Protein backbone atom coordinates (compact mmCIF):
# COMPACT_ATOMS: atom_id res chain seq x y z
CA MET A 1 0.05 -0.04 -0.01
CA SER A 2 1.51 3.35 -0.62
CA PRO A 3 1.92 5.83 1.93
CA LEU A 4 -0.82 8.29 1.09
CA PRO A 5 -3.64 5.96 2.06
CA ARG A 6 -1.21 4.43 5.16
CA ARG A 7 -1.35 8.11 6.35
CA ILE A 8 -5.35 8.75 5.52
CA LYS A 9 -6.65 5.47 7.46
CA PRO A 10 -5.03 6.78 11.06
CA SER A 11 -6.63 10.01 10.50
CA VAL A 12 -10.16 8.45 9.57
CA LEU A 13 -9.96 6.13 12.23
CA SER A 14 -9.12 8.74 15.34
CA SER A 15 -11.85 10.91 13.88
CA PHE A 16 -14.21 8.22 13.44
CA SER A 17 -13.08 7.22 17.54
CA THR A 18 -13.95 10.94 18.55
CA ALA A 19 -16.84 11.63 16.90
CA ARG A 20 -18.67 8.33 17.17
CA CYS A 21 -17.04 6.16 20.34
CA SER A 22 -17.89 7.15 23.63
CA LYS A 23 -15.44 9.78 25.70
CA ASP A 24 -14.31 6.51 28.04
CA ARG A 25 -12.64 4.65 25.32
CA ARG A 26 -9.23 5.84 24.81
CA PRO A 27 -8.18 7.51 21.03
CA ILE A 28 -6.55 5.47 18.73
CA ASP A 29 -2.44 5.63 18.64
CA ALA A 30 -1.52 4.28 15.29
CA LEU A 31 2.12 4.83 13.65
CA ARG A 32 2.19 7.04 10.67
CA ALA A 33 3.90 6.08 7.68
CA GLN A 34 7.17 7.89 6.65
CA LYS A 35 7.66 9.20 3.25
CA PRO A 36 10.37 8.06 1.50
CA LYS A 37 13.15 10.38 1.10
CA ARG A 38 14.16 10.77 -2.78
CA LEU A 39 17.45 12.12 -3.41
CA PRO A 40 17.65 13.85 -7.28
CA ALA A 41 19.80 11.74 -9.64
CA VAL A 42 22.69 14.13 -10.52
CA LEU A 43 25.66 13.20 -12.60
CA THR A 44 29.30 14.74 -12.30
CA LYS A 45 30.43 16.74 -15.63
CA GLU A 46 32.71 13.55 -15.93
CA GLU A 47 29.96 11.02 -16.21
CA VAL A 48 27.82 13.28 -18.17
CA HIS A 49 31.08 13.32 -20.83
CA ARG A 50 31.21 9.60 -20.52
CA VAL A 51 27.94 8.93 -21.23
CA LEU A 52 27.57 11.42 -24.23
CA GLY A 53 31.16 9.92 -25.36
CA ASN A 54 29.57 6.67 -25.88
CA LEU A 55 26.67 8.02 -27.91
CA SER A 56 26.37 8.87 -31.87
CA GLY A 57 24.17 10.02 -34.52
CA THR A 58 20.49 10.62 -33.32
CA HIS A 59 21.07 9.40 -29.84
CA LEU A 60 23.97 11.63 -29.24
CA LEU A 61 21.75 14.76 -30.77
CA MET A 62 18.54 14.07 -28.47
CA ALA A 63 20.96 13.26 -25.45
CA LYS A 64 22.27 16.73 -25.84
CA LEU A 65 18.99 18.50 -26.43
CA LEU A 66 17.97 16.52 -23.04
CA TYR A 67 21.09 17.55 -21.27
CA GLY A 68 21.26 20.91 -22.79
CA SER A 69 17.91 22.34 -23.14
CA GLY A 70 16.20 20.35 -20.20
CA LEU A 71 13.56 19.09 -22.48
CA ARG A 72 11.66 16.08 -21.30
CA LEU A 73 11.77 13.02 -23.38
CA MET A 74 8.87 12.60 -25.04
CA GLU A 75 9.09 16.80 -25.67
CA CYS A 76 12.49 15.72 -27.50
CA VAL A 77 11.38 12.95 -29.17
CA ARG A 78 8.34 14.85 -30.83
CA LEU A 79 10.44 17.35 -31.83
CA CYS A 80 10.11 18.65 -35.37
CA VAL A 81 12.16 20.62 -37.55
CA LYS A 82 9.37 23.40 -37.84
CA ASP A 83 9.88 23.51 -33.90
CA LEU A 84 13.29 24.83 -34.48
CA ASP A 85 14.26 28.91 -35.08
CA PHE A 86 17.61 28.55 -37.28
CA ALA A 87 17.51 32.26 -38.07
CA ARG A 88 17.76 33.21 -33.95
CA GLU A 89 19.53 30.08 -33.33
CA MET A 90 17.02 28.97 -31.22
CA TYR A 91 17.32 25.32 -31.11
């Protein structure tokens, strides 16, 4: 079960117990789910050069666009020549 439903269920149970149960019962003490800590994956300059050095052709061009412009993968895949402005050097 994902963390969100695990966080919601104790809240629902607690609300239910305070609203419907008599006051002589003790409240429900449930453990709360922890959000997993996620760190962004960042490559060093050397790692980027090694990855780009192993690519060629279309894959190299796409990787450079993804790295240099911040395009998302599907934005890069769907990119057309008409989307580029060579006169203003906006590619």
